[in-house]
Amino acid sequence: MNEKYENKYRISSARCQNWDYASEGAYFITICTKDRQHYFGEVANGRMLLSNIGIVANLMWYEIKNHNKNVELGEFIVMPNHVHGILILNNLDKVETGHTLSLPSTEKTIGQQRFQNQGKNTISSIVGSYKSAVTKHCNRLDFEFAWQSRFHDHIIRNSASFSNISNYIITNAANWNTDKFHEHI
């Protein structure tokens, strides 16, 4: 059942409701372009050839570590209509805000509280800032571009999963023809 917030229906979060996305850990992130348009370039002979927009998306990813405390970057790739990357949050100093919403609650899950208590070093804020930076620079350069409104995340829970996901990202361009995001035009 969809709950209402300020008398409007809200789509439930895709985030894990029992996980604090400001927690130390590794996160596999996938962000798609609006309508899966091929804004970022094309794959030729198993290699990604970046368009100007793809270059902006690539450069802005590597800026994340310069703007977010305690973030490391794992593998990353820009594909024609999406990006895959691993964000690693380390040794985060959690700051109590003093707001009532920051206090532990037995009535709401972490995910339900998250909507009201976004921190600067959460996965959602980092991805949101990245998407905003890419959009801002594309607009400044008069490039037509838009993101899908949401993103997908996967909490990486062990070294085997980290290795498998890293390998998937590294080989993504070589396997483009069988990728679920590949659209035959």
N, C-alpha and C. Protein backbone atom coordinates (compact mmCIF):
# COMPACT_ATOMS: atom_id res chain seq x y z
N MET A 1 0.83 -1.18 0.00
CA MET A 1 0.00 0.00 0.00
C MET A 1 0.88 1.24 0.00
N ASN A 2 0.60 2.17 -0.88
CA ASN A 2 1.36 3.41 -0.93
C ASN A 2 0.89 4.35 0.16
N GLU A 3 1.84 4.88 0.92
CA GLU A 3 1.51 5.84 1.96
C GLU A 3 1.52 7.24 1.36
N LYS A 4 0.78 8.13 2.03
CA LYS A 4 0.76 9.51 1.57
C LYS A 4 1.68 10.35 2.45
N TYR A 5 2.35 11.29 1.81
CA TYR A 5 3.16 12.28 2.50
C TYR A 5 2.69 13.63 1.99
N GLU A 6 2.31 14.52 2.89
CA GLU A 6 1.75 15.81 2.52
C GLU A 6 0.62 15.65 1.51
N ASN A 7 -0.24 14.65 1.77
CA ASN A 7 -1.43 14.37 0.97
C ASN A 7 -1.14 13.91 -0.46
N LYS A 8 0.07 13.44 -0.73
CA LYS A 8 0.44 12.94 -2.05
C LYS A 8 0.96 11.52 -1.90
N TYR A 9 0.67 10.68 -2.89
CA TYR A 9 1.21 9.33 -2.86
C TYR A 9 2.70 9.37 -3.16
N ARG A 10 3.44 8.53 -2.48
CA ARG A 10 4.88 8.44 -2.69
C ARG A 10 5.21 7.04 -3.15
N ILE A 11 6.18 6.93 -4.02
CA ILE A 11 6.68 5.63 -4.44
C ILE A 11 7.63 5.15 -3.34
N SER A 12 7.47 3.92 -2.92
CA SER A 12 8.33 3.38 -1.88
C SER A 12 9.78 3.38 -2.33
N SER A 13 10.67 3.56 -1.38
CA SER A 13 12.09 3.57 -1.68
C SER A 13 12.57 2.19 -2.11
N ALA A 14 13.50 2.18 -3.03
CA ALA A 14 14.13 0.93 -3.47
C ALA A 14 15.28 0.55 -2.55
N ARG A 15 15.66 1.45 -1.63
CA ARG A 15 16.76 1.19 -0.71
C ARG A 15 16.37 0.15 0.32
N CYS A 16 17.34 -0.59 0.81
CA CYS A 16 17.14 -1.58 1.87
C CYS A 16 16.69 -0.84 3.13
N GLN A 17 15.51 -1.18 3.64
CA GLN A 17 14.92 -0.42 4.74
C GLN A 17 15.62 -0.63 6.08
N ASN A 18 16.42 -1.67 6.22
CA ASN A 18 17.10 -1.94 7.49
C ASN A 18 18.60 -1.66 7.41
N TRP A 19 18.98 -0.77 6.51
CA TRP A 19 20.40 -0.46 6.32
C TRP A 19 20.60 1.04 6.36
N ASP A 20 21.64 1.47 7.05
CA ASP A 20 22.00 2.88 7.10
C ASP A 20 23.01 3.13 5.98
N TYR A 21 22.61 3.88 4.96
CA TYR A 21 23.44 4.12 3.78
C TYR A 21 24.54 5.14 4.02
N ALA A 22 24.76 5.50 5.28
CA ALA A 22 25.94 6.27 5.65
C ALA A 22 26.95 5.35 6.32
N SER A 23 26.62 4.06 6.42
CA SER A 23 27.50 3.08 7.07
C SER A 23 28.71 2.76 6.21
N GLU A 24 29.79 2.41 6.91
CA GLU A 24 30.97 1.93 6.19
C GLU A 24 30.57 0.74 5.34
N GLY A 25 31.12 0.68 4.16
CA GLY A 25 30.83 -0.45 3.29
C GLY A 25 31.11 -0.11 1.85
N ALA A 26 30.92 -1.12 1.02
CA ALA A 26 31.09 -0.95 -0.43
C ALA A 26 29.72 -1.09 -1.08
N TYR A 27 29.46 -0.22 -2.04
CA TYR A 27 28.15 -0.15 -2.69
C TYR A 27 28.33 -0.17 -4.21
N PHE A 28 27.63 -1.08 -4.87
CA PHE A 28 27.63 -1.15 -6.33
C PHE A 28 26.48 -0.27 -6.80
N ILE A 29 26.80 0.73 -7.61
CA ILE A 29 25.83 1.73 -8.05
C ILE A 29 25.64 1.63 -9.56
N THR A 30 24.38 1.68 -10.00
CA THR A 30 24.04 1.78 -11.42
C THR A 30 23.10 2.96 -11.59
N ILE A 31 23.46 3.85 -12.51
CA ILE A 31 22.63 5.02 -12.79
C ILE A 31 22.37 5.04 -14.30
N CYS A 32 21.09 5.10 -14.67
CA CYS A 32 20.72 5.09 -16.10
C CYS A 32 20.34 6.48 -16.58
N THR A 33 20.47 6.68 -17.88
CA THR A 33 20.03 7.92 -18.50
C THR A 33 18.51 7.85 -18.68
N LYS A 34 17.90 9.00 -18.84
CA LYS A 34 16.45 9.06 -19.05
C LYS A 34 16.09 8.28 -20.32
N ASP A 35 15.09 7.42 -20.18
CA ASP A 35 14.61 6.58 -21.28
C ASP A 35 15.72 5.73 -21.90
N ARG A 36 16.79 5.55 -21.15
CA ARG A 36 17.97 4.78 -21.58
C ARG A 36 18.52 5.25 -22.93
N GLN A 37 18.47 6.57 -23.11
CA GLN A 37 19.05 7.18 -24.30
C GLN A 37 20.57 6.99 -24.28
N HIS A 38 21.15 6.80 -25.45
CA HIS A 38 22.60 6.58 -25.56
C HIS A 38 23.33 7.93 -25.63
N TYR A 39 23.35 8.63 -24.51
CA TYR A 39 24.01 9.93 -24.43
C TYR A 39 25.53 9.82 -24.30
N PHE A 40 26.02 8.72 -23.74
CA PHE A 40 27.41 8.64 -23.32
C PHE A 40 28.38 8.14 -24.37
N GLY A 41 27.91 7.71 -25.51
CA GLY A 41 28.80 7.20 -26.55
C GLY A 41 28.34 5.86 -27.06
N GLU A 42 29.29 5.09 -27.56
CA GLU A 42 28.95 3.78 -28.13
C GLU A 42 30.06 2.78 -27.86
N VAL A 43 29.69 1.52 -27.94
CA VAL A 43 30.66 0.45 -27.79
C VAL A 43 31.05 -0.03 -29.18
N ALA A 44 32.34 -0.08 -29.44
CA ALA A 44 32.86 -0.60 -30.72
C ALA A 44 34.01 -1.54 -30.41
N ASN A 45 33.93 -2.74 -30.96
CA ASN A 45 34.98 -3.75 -30.75
C ASN A 45 35.27 -3.99 -29.27
N GLY A 46 34.21 -4.01 -28.47
CA GLY A 46 34.36 -4.31 -27.06
C GLY A 46 34.94 -3.19 -26.22
N ARG A 47 35.03 -1.98 -26.78
CA ARG A 47 35.58 -0.82 -26.04
C ARG A 47 34.57 0.32 -26.08
N MET A 48 34.47 1.02 -24.98
CA MET A 48 33.57 2.15 -24.89
C MET A 48 34.23 3.39 -25.49
N LEU A 49 33.56 4.00 -26.46
CA LEU A 49 34.02 5.24 -27.08
C LEU A 49 33.12 6.36 -26.54
N LEU A 50 33.67 7.19 -25.70
CA LEU A 50 32.88 8.22 -25.01
C LEU A 50 32.55 9.40 -25.91
N SER A 51 31.30 9.85 -25.81
CA SER A 51 30.89 11.10 -26.43
C SER A 51 31.34 12.23 -25.50
N ASN A 52 31.07 13.47 -25.87
CA ASN A 52 31.41 14.59 -24.99
C ASN A 52 30.67 14.48 -23.66
N ILE A 53 29.41 14.05 -23.70
CA ILE A 53 28.65 13.88 -22.46
C ILE A 53 29.24 12.73 -21.65
N GLY A 54 29.66 11.68 -22.31
CA GLY A 54 30.31 10.56 -21.63
C GLY A 54 31.60 10.98 -20.94
N ILE A 55 32.34 11.88 -21.57
CA ILE A 55 33.57 12.40 -20.96
C ILE A 55 33.24 13.17 -19.69
N VAL A 56 32.18 13.98 -19.73
CA VAL A 56 31.76 14.73 -18.54
C VAL A 56 31.36 13.75 -17.43
N ALA A 57 30.56 12.73 -17.77
CA ALA A 57 30.13 11.74 -16.77
C ALA A 57 31.34 11.02 -16.17
N ASN A 58 32.32 10.69 -16.99
CA ASN A 58 33.52 10.02 -16.53
C ASN A 58 34.32 10.93 -15.58
N LEU A 59 34.58 12.15 -15.99
CA LEU A 59 35.37 13.08 -15.18
C LEU A 59 34.70 13.38 -13.84
N MET A 60 33.39 13.59 -13.85
CA MET A 60 32.69 13.95 -12.62
C MET A 60 32.70 12.81 -11.60
N TRP A 61 32.73 11.55 -12.07
CA TRP A 61 32.80 10.43 -11.13
C TRP A 61 34.09 10.52 -10.30
N TYR A 62 35.18 10.81 -10.96
CA TYR A 62 36.47 10.86 -10.27
C TYR A 62 36.60 12.08 -9.36
N GLU A 63 35.70 13.05 -9.51
CA GLU A 63 35.66 14.21 -8.62
C GLU A 63 34.96 13.89 -7.30
N ILE A 64 34.22 12.79 -7.25
CA ILE A 64 33.47 12.45 -6.03
C ILE A 64 34.39 12.44 -4.81
N LYS A 65 35.55 11.83 -4.93
CA LYS A 65 36.45 11.72 -3.77
C LYS A 65 36.99 13.07 -3.31
N ASN A 66 36.93 14.08 -4.17
CA ASN A 66 37.39 15.42 -3.80
C ASN A 66 36.31 16.25 -3.09
N HIS A 67 35.09 15.74 -3.11
CA HIS A 67 33.97 16.49 -2.55
C HIS A 67 33.26 15.77 -1.42
N ASN A 68 33.63 14.53 -1.15
CA ASN A 68 32.98 13.76 -0.11
C ASN A 68 34.01 13.14 0.81
N LYS A 69 33.85 13.39 2.07
CA LYS A 69 34.76 12.90 3.09
C LYS A 69 34.69 11.37 3.17
N ASN A 70 35.83 10.74 3.26
CA ASN A 70 35.94 9.30 3.51
C ASN A 70 35.32 8.42 2.43
N VAL A 71 35.39 8.84 1.18
CA VAL A 71 34.88 8.04 0.07
C VAL A 71 36.06 7.57 -0.78
N GLU A 72 36.08 6.29 -1.08
CA GLU A 72 37.02 5.73 -2.05
C GLU A 72 36.22 5.26 -3.24
N LEU A 73 36.87 5.25 -4.38
CA LEU A 73 36.22 4.79 -5.60
C LEU A 73 36.78 3.44 -6.00
N GLY A 74 35.88 2.51 -6.26
CA GLY A 74 36.28 1.22 -6.81
C GLY A 74 36.21 1.30 -8.33
N GLU A 75 35.99 0.19 -8.97
CA GLU A 75 35.89 0.15 -10.43
C GLU A 75 34.74 1.02 -10.90
N PHE A 76 34.86 1.52 -12.12
CA PHE A 76 33.85 2.41 -12.69
C PHE A 76 33.89 2.29 -14.20
N ILE A 77 32.71 2.38 -14.82
CA ILE A 77 32.65 2.43 -16.29
C ILE A 77 31.45 3.25 -16.72
N VAL A 78 31.64 3.99 -17.79
CA VAL A 78 30.56 4.70 -18.45
C VAL A 78 30.18 3.85 -19.66
N MET A 79 28.90 3.51 -19.77
CA MET A 79 28.38 2.75 -20.90
C MET A 79 27.48 3.68 -21.70
N PRO A 80 26.97 3.27 -22.86
CA PRO A 80 26.17 4.19 -23.68
C PRO A 80 24.99 4.84 -22.97
N ASN A 81 24.30 4.09 -22.09
CA ASN A 81 23.10 4.63 -21.46
C ASN A 81 23.07 4.47 -19.94
N HIS A 82 24.20 4.15 -19.34
CA HIS A 82 24.26 4.01 -17.89
C HIS A 82 25.71 4.05 -17.43
N VAL A 83 25.87 4.18 -16.12
CA VAL A 83 27.19 4.07 -15.51
C VAL A 83 27.10 3.02 -14.41
N HIS A 84 28.19 2.30 -14.19
CA HIS A 84 28.34 1.38 -13.07
C HIS A 84 29.56 1.82 -12.29
N GLY A 85 29.45 1.81 -10.97
CA GLY A 85 30.61 2.14 -10.16
C GLY A 85 30.49 1.58 -8.76
N ILE A 86 31.62 1.49 -8.10
CA ILE A 86 31.64 1.06 -6.71
C ILE A 86 32.09 2.24 -5.86
N LEU A 87 31.26 2.56 -4.87
CA LEU A 87 31.58 3.59 -3.89
C LEU A 87 31.89 2.89 -2.57
N ILE A 88 32.99 3.28 -1.94
CA ILE A 88 33.41 2.67 -0.68
C ILE A 88 33.43 3.76 0.38
N LEU A 89 32.61 3.60 1.41
CA LEU A 89 32.57 4.55 2.51
C LEU A 89 33.41 4.00 3.65
N ASN A 90 34.37 4.80 4.13
CA ASN A 90 35.30 4.38 5.18
C ASN A 90 35.29 5.34 6.35
N ASN A 91 35.40 4.80 7.56
CA ASN A 91 35.64 5.58 8.78
C ASN A 91 34.82 6.85 8.85
N LEU A 92 33.55 6.73 8.64
CA LEU A 92 32.71 7.92 8.67
C LEU A 92 32.50 8.38 10.10
N ASP A 93 32.67 9.67 10.30
CA ASP A 93 32.40 10.28 11.60
C ASP A 93 30.95 10.74 11.56
N LYS A 94 30.11 10.01 12.24
CA LYS A 94 28.70 10.40 12.25
C LYS A 94 28.52 11.56 13.21
N VAL A 95 27.80 12.55 12.77
CA VAL A 95 27.56 13.73 13.58
C VAL A 95 26.09 13.74 13.97
N GLU A 96 25.82 13.83 15.25
CA GLU A 96 24.45 13.94 15.70
C GLU A 96 23.94 15.33 15.36
N THR A 97 22.76 15.39 14.79
CA THR A 97 22.22 16.68 14.38
C THR A 97 21.46 17.37 15.49
N GLY A 98 21.05 16.60 16.50
CA GLY A 98 20.26 17.19 17.56
C GLY A 98 18.79 17.28 17.23
N HIS A 99 18.41 16.96 16.02
CA HIS A 99 17.01 16.99 15.63
C HIS A 99 16.31 15.75 16.16
N THR A 100 15.06 15.89 16.45
CA THR A 100 14.27 14.76 16.92
C THR A 100 14.32 13.61 15.93
N LEU A 101 14.39 13.91 14.65
CA LEU A 101 14.39 12.86 13.64
C LEU A 101 15.65 12.02 13.69
N SER A 102 16.70 12.49 14.35
CA SER A 102 17.94 11.75 14.44
C SER A 102 17.91 10.70 15.56
N LEU A 103 16.95 10.83 16.45
CA LEU A 103 16.89 9.92 17.58
C LEU A 103 16.40 8.55 17.13
N PRO A 104 16.90 7.48 17.76
CA PRO A 104 16.45 6.14 17.40
C PRO A 104 14.95 6.02 17.59
N SER A 105 14.32 5.29 16.72
CA SER A 105 12.88 5.12 16.79
C SER A 105 12.54 3.65 16.66
N THR A 106 11.67 3.19 17.52
CA THR A 106 11.23 1.80 17.40
C THR A 106 10.06 1.70 16.44
N GLU A 107 9.47 2.83 16.07
CA GLU A 107 8.30 2.82 15.20
C GLU A 107 8.65 2.78 13.72
N LYS A 108 9.79 3.31 13.33
CA LYS A 108 10.16 3.40 11.93
C LYS A 108 11.46 2.66 11.67
N THR A 109 11.59 2.11 10.47
CA THR A 109 12.84 1.49 10.08
C THR A 109 13.84 2.58 9.73
N ILE A 110 15.10 2.21 9.58
CA ILE A 110 16.13 3.16 9.17
C ILE A 110 15.74 3.80 7.85
N GLY A 111 15.22 3.00 6.93
CA GLY A 111 14.82 3.51 5.62
C GLY A 111 13.70 4.52 5.70
N GLN A 112 12.74 4.31 6.60
CA GLN A 112 11.65 5.26 6.75
C GLN A 112 12.14 6.57 7.33
N GLN A 113 13.12 6.51 8.21
CA GLN A 113 13.69 7.72 8.79
C GLN A 113 14.59 8.45 7.80
N ARG A 114 15.16 7.72 6.86
CA ARG A 114 16.14 8.27 5.93
C ARG A 114 15.58 9.44 5.14
N PHE A 115 14.29 9.40 4.78
CA PHE A 115 13.70 10.46 3.97
C PHE A 115 13.83 11.81 4.66
N GLN A 116 13.67 11.84 5.97
CA GLN A 116 13.75 13.10 6.69
C GLN A 116 15.16 13.44 7.15
N ASN A 117 16.09 12.49 7.14
CA ASN A 117 17.39 12.73 7.77
C ASN A 117 18.53 12.39 6.80
N GLN A 118 18.59 13.06 5.67
CA GLN A 118 19.66 12.84 4.71
C GLN A 118 20.94 13.50 5.22
N GLY A 119 22.03 12.75 5.21
CA GLY A 119 23.32 13.30 5.60
C GLY A 119 24.16 13.56 4.37
N LYS A 120 25.26 14.28 4.54
CA LYS A 120 26.11 14.62 3.41
C LYS A 120 26.84 13.41 2.85
N ASN A 121 27.24 12.48 3.71
CA ASN A 121 28.00 11.33 3.25
C ASN A 121 27.18 10.06 3.21
N THR A 122 25.97 10.15 2.68
CA THR A 122 25.17 8.96 2.44
C THR A 122 25.30 8.61 0.96
N ILE A 123 25.02 7.38 0.63
CA ILE A 123 25.07 6.97 -0.78
C ILE A 123 24.12 7.82 -1.62
N SER A 124 22.92 8.06 -1.12
CA SER A 124 21.95 8.87 -1.90
C SER A 124 22.45 10.28 -2.14
N SER A 125 23.05 10.91 -1.12
CA SER A 125 23.53 12.28 -1.32
C SER A 125 24.73 12.32 -2.26
N ILE A 126 25.60 11.31 -2.19
CA ILE A 126 26.77 11.27 -3.07
C ILE A 126 26.32 11.06 -4.52
N VAL A 127 25.43 10.11 -4.74
CA VAL A 127 24.93 9.86 -6.10
C VAL A 127 24.15 11.07 -6.61
N GLY A 128 23.34 11.67 -5.75
CA GLY A 128 22.59 12.86 -6.15
C GLY A 128 23.50 14.01 -6.55
N SER A 129 24.57 14.20 -5.81
CA SER A 129 25.54 15.25 -6.13
C SER A 129 26.25 14.96 -7.45
N TYR A 130 26.59 13.69 -7.66
CA TYR A 130 27.23 13.30 -8.93
C TYR A 130 26.30 13.58 -10.10
N LYS A 131 25.06 13.12 -10.00
CA LYS A 131 24.10 13.34 -11.08
C LYS A 131 23.91 14.83 -11.34
N SER A 132 23.83 15.61 -10.28
CA SER A 132 23.66 17.06 -10.40
C SER A 132 24.85 17.70 -11.10
N ALA A 133 26.06 17.28 -10.73
CA ALA A 133 27.27 17.85 -11.34
C ALA A 133 27.33 17.54 -12.84
N VAL A 134 27.02 16.31 -13.21
CA VAL A 134 27.03 15.95 -14.63
C VAL A 134 26.00 16.79 -15.38
N THR A 135 24.80 16.87 -14.84
CA THR A 135 23.73 17.65 -15.49
C THR A 135 24.12 19.11 -15.61
N LYS A 136 24.65 19.68 -14.55
CA LYS A 136 25.04 21.10 -14.54
C LYS A 136 26.09 21.39 -15.62
N HIS A 137 27.12 20.53 -15.70
CA HIS A 137 28.17 20.75 -16.69
C HIS A 137 27.66 20.53 -18.11
N CYS A 138 26.80 19.58 -18.30
CA CYS A 138 26.22 19.36 -19.63
C CYS A 138 25.37 20.56 -20.05
N ASN A 139 24.56 21.07 -19.12
CA ASN A 139 23.74 22.25 -19.42
C ASN A 139 24.62 23.45 -19.76
N ARG A 140 25.69 23.63 -18.99
CA ARG A 140 26.61 24.76 -19.23
C ARG A 140 27.23 24.68 -20.62
N LEU A 141 27.46 23.45 -21.08
CA LEU A 141 28.07 23.23 -22.40
C LEU A 141 27.03 23.07 -23.52
N ASP A 142 25.76 23.30 -23.19
CA ASP A 142 24.64 23.18 -24.13
C ASP A 142 24.50 21.77 -24.71
N PHE A 143 24.79 20.75 -23.91
CA PHE A 143 24.57 19.37 -24.32
C PHE A 143 23.19 18.94 -23.83
N GLU A 144 22.40 18.36 -24.71
CA GLU A 144 21.11 17.81 -24.32
C GLU A 144 21.36 16.53 -23.53
N PHE A 145 20.82 16.48 -22.31
CA PHE A 145 21.09 15.33 -21.46
C PHE A 145 20.09 15.27 -20.31
N ALA A 146 19.74 14.05 -19.88
CA ALA A 146 18.88 13.86 -18.70
C ALA A 146 19.13 12.48 -18.10
N TRP A 147 19.02 12.41 -16.77
CA TRP A 147 19.14 11.15 -16.04
C TRP A 147 17.76 10.56 -15.79
N GLN A 148 17.73 9.26 -15.55
CA GLN A 148 16.57 8.61 -14.96
C GLN A 148 16.47 9.16 -13.54
N SER A 149 15.27 9.23 -12.98
CA SER A 149 15.11 9.89 -11.69
C SER A 149 15.72 9.12 -10.52
N ARG A 150 15.85 7.83 -10.61
CA ARG A 150 16.37 7.04 -9.50
C ARG A 150 17.69 6.39 -9.88
N PHE A 151 18.23 5.59 -8.96
CA PHE A 151 19.42 4.80 -9.25
C PHE A 151 19.29 3.47 -8.52
N HIS A 152 20.09 2.51 -8.93
CA HIS A 152 20.08 1.19 -8.30
C HIS A 152 21.34 1.05 -7.45
N ASP A 153 21.19 0.45 -6.27
CA ASP A 153 22.35 0.16 -5.45
C ASP A 153 22.31 -1.29 -5.00
N HIS A 154 23.47 -1.80 -4.72
CA HIS A 154 23.62 -3.15 -4.15
C HIS A 154 24.69 -3.05 -3.09
N ILE A 155 24.36 -3.46 -1.87
CA ILE A 155 25.32 -3.44 -0.78
C ILE A 155 26.24 -4.65 -0.96
N ILE A 156 27.53 -4.41 -1.11
CA ILE A 156 28.50 -5.50 -1.31
C ILE A 156 28.89 -6.01 0.07
N ARG A 157 28.61 -7.28 0.32
CA ARG A 157 28.74 -7.80 1.68
C ARG A 157 29.97 -8.66 1.94
N ASN A 158 30.71 -9.05 0.89
CA ASN A 158 31.91 -9.86 1.13
C ASN A 158 32.90 -9.69 -0.02
N SER A 159 34.11 -10.19 0.17
CA SER A 159 35.17 -9.99 -0.82
C SER A 159 34.89 -10.73 -2.13
N ALA A 160 34.24 -11.88 -2.08
CA ALA A 160 33.91 -12.61 -3.31
C ALA A 160 32.94 -11.79 -4.16
N SER A 161 31.93 -11.22 -3.53
CA SER A 161 30.97 -10.38 -4.24
C SER A 161 31.66 -9.13 -4.80
N PHE A 162 32.55 -8.53 -4.00
CA PHE A 162 33.29 -7.35 -4.45
C PHE A 162 34.11 -7.70 -5.71
N SER A 163 34.76 -8.83 -5.68
CA SER A 163 35.57 -9.27 -6.82
C SER A 163 34.71 -9.53 -8.06
N ASN A 164 33.58 -10.21 -7.87
CA ASN A 164 32.67 -10.50 -8.99
C ASN A 164 32.11 -9.23 -9.61
N ILE A 165 31.70 -8.30 -8.77
CA ILE A 165 31.14 -7.03 -9.27
C ILE A 165 32.22 -6.21 -9.96
N SER A 166 33.40 -6.16 -9.39
CA SER A 166 34.51 -5.44 -10.03
C SER A 166 34.79 -6.01 -11.41
N ASN A 167 34.82 -7.33 -11.52
CA ASN A 167 35.05 -7.98 -12.81
C ASN A 167 33.92 -7.67 -13.78
N TYR A 168 32.69 -7.66 -13.31
CA TYR A 168 31.54 -7.32 -14.17
C TYR A 168 31.71 -5.92 -14.75
N ILE A 169 32.11 -4.98 -13.91
CA ILE A 169 32.30 -3.60 -14.37
C ILE A 169 33.43 -3.53 -15.40
N ILE A 170 34.55 -4.17 -15.10
CA ILE A 170 35.72 -4.13 -15.99
C ILE A 170 35.38 -4.72 -17.37
N THR A 171 34.57 -5.77 -17.40
CA THR A 171 34.27 -6.45 -18.67
C THR A 171 32.95 -6.01 -19.29
N ASN A 172 32.31 -4.99 -18.74
CA ASN A 172 30.99 -4.58 -19.20
C ASN A 172 30.97 -4.19 -20.68
N ALA A 173 31.94 -3.42 -21.12
CA ALA A 173 31.97 -3.00 -22.53
C ALA A 173 32.18 -4.20 -23.46
N ALA A 174 33.04 -5.12 -23.06
CA ALA A 174 33.31 -6.31 -23.88
C ALA A 174 32.07 -7.20 -23.99
N ASN A 175 31.18 -7.12 -23.00
CA ASN A 175 29.97 -7.95 -23.00
C ASN A 175 28.70 -7.15 -23.31
N TRP A 176 28.86 -6.00 -23.93
CA TRP A 176 27.75 -5.10 -24.19
C TRP A 176 26.60 -5.76 -24.96
N ASN A 177 26.89 -6.59 -25.93
CA ASN A 177 25.83 -7.19 -26.74
C ASN A 177 24.89 -8.08 -25.94
N THR A 178 25.34 -8.57 -24.78
CA THR A 178 24.48 -9.41 -23.94
C THR A 178 24.04 -8.69 -22.66
N ASP A 179 24.38 -7.42 -22.53
CA ASP A 179 24.05 -6.64 -21.34
C ASP A 179 22.55 -6.37 -21.31
N LYS A 180 21.95 -6.40 -20.11
CA LYS A 180 20.51 -6.15 -19.99
C LYS A 180 20.14 -4.71 -20.33
N PHE A 181 21.10 -3.79 -20.31
CA PHE A 181 20.83 -2.41 -20.66
C PHE A 181 21.03 -2.12 -22.14
N HIS A 182 21.53 -3.12 -22.88
CA HIS A 182 21.76 -2.95 -24.31
C HIS A 182 20.43 -2.94 -25.03
N GLU A 183 20.25 -1.95 -25.86
CA GLU A 183 19.02 -1.87 -26.66
C GLU A 183 19.42 -1.97 -28.11
N HIS A 184 18.82 -2.91 -28.80
CA HIS A 184 19.11 -3.05 -30.22
C HIS A 184 18.34 -1.98 -30.97
N ILE A 185 19.07 -1.12 -31.61
CA ILE A 185 18.45 0.03 -32.32
C ILE A 185 18.16 -0.37 -33.75
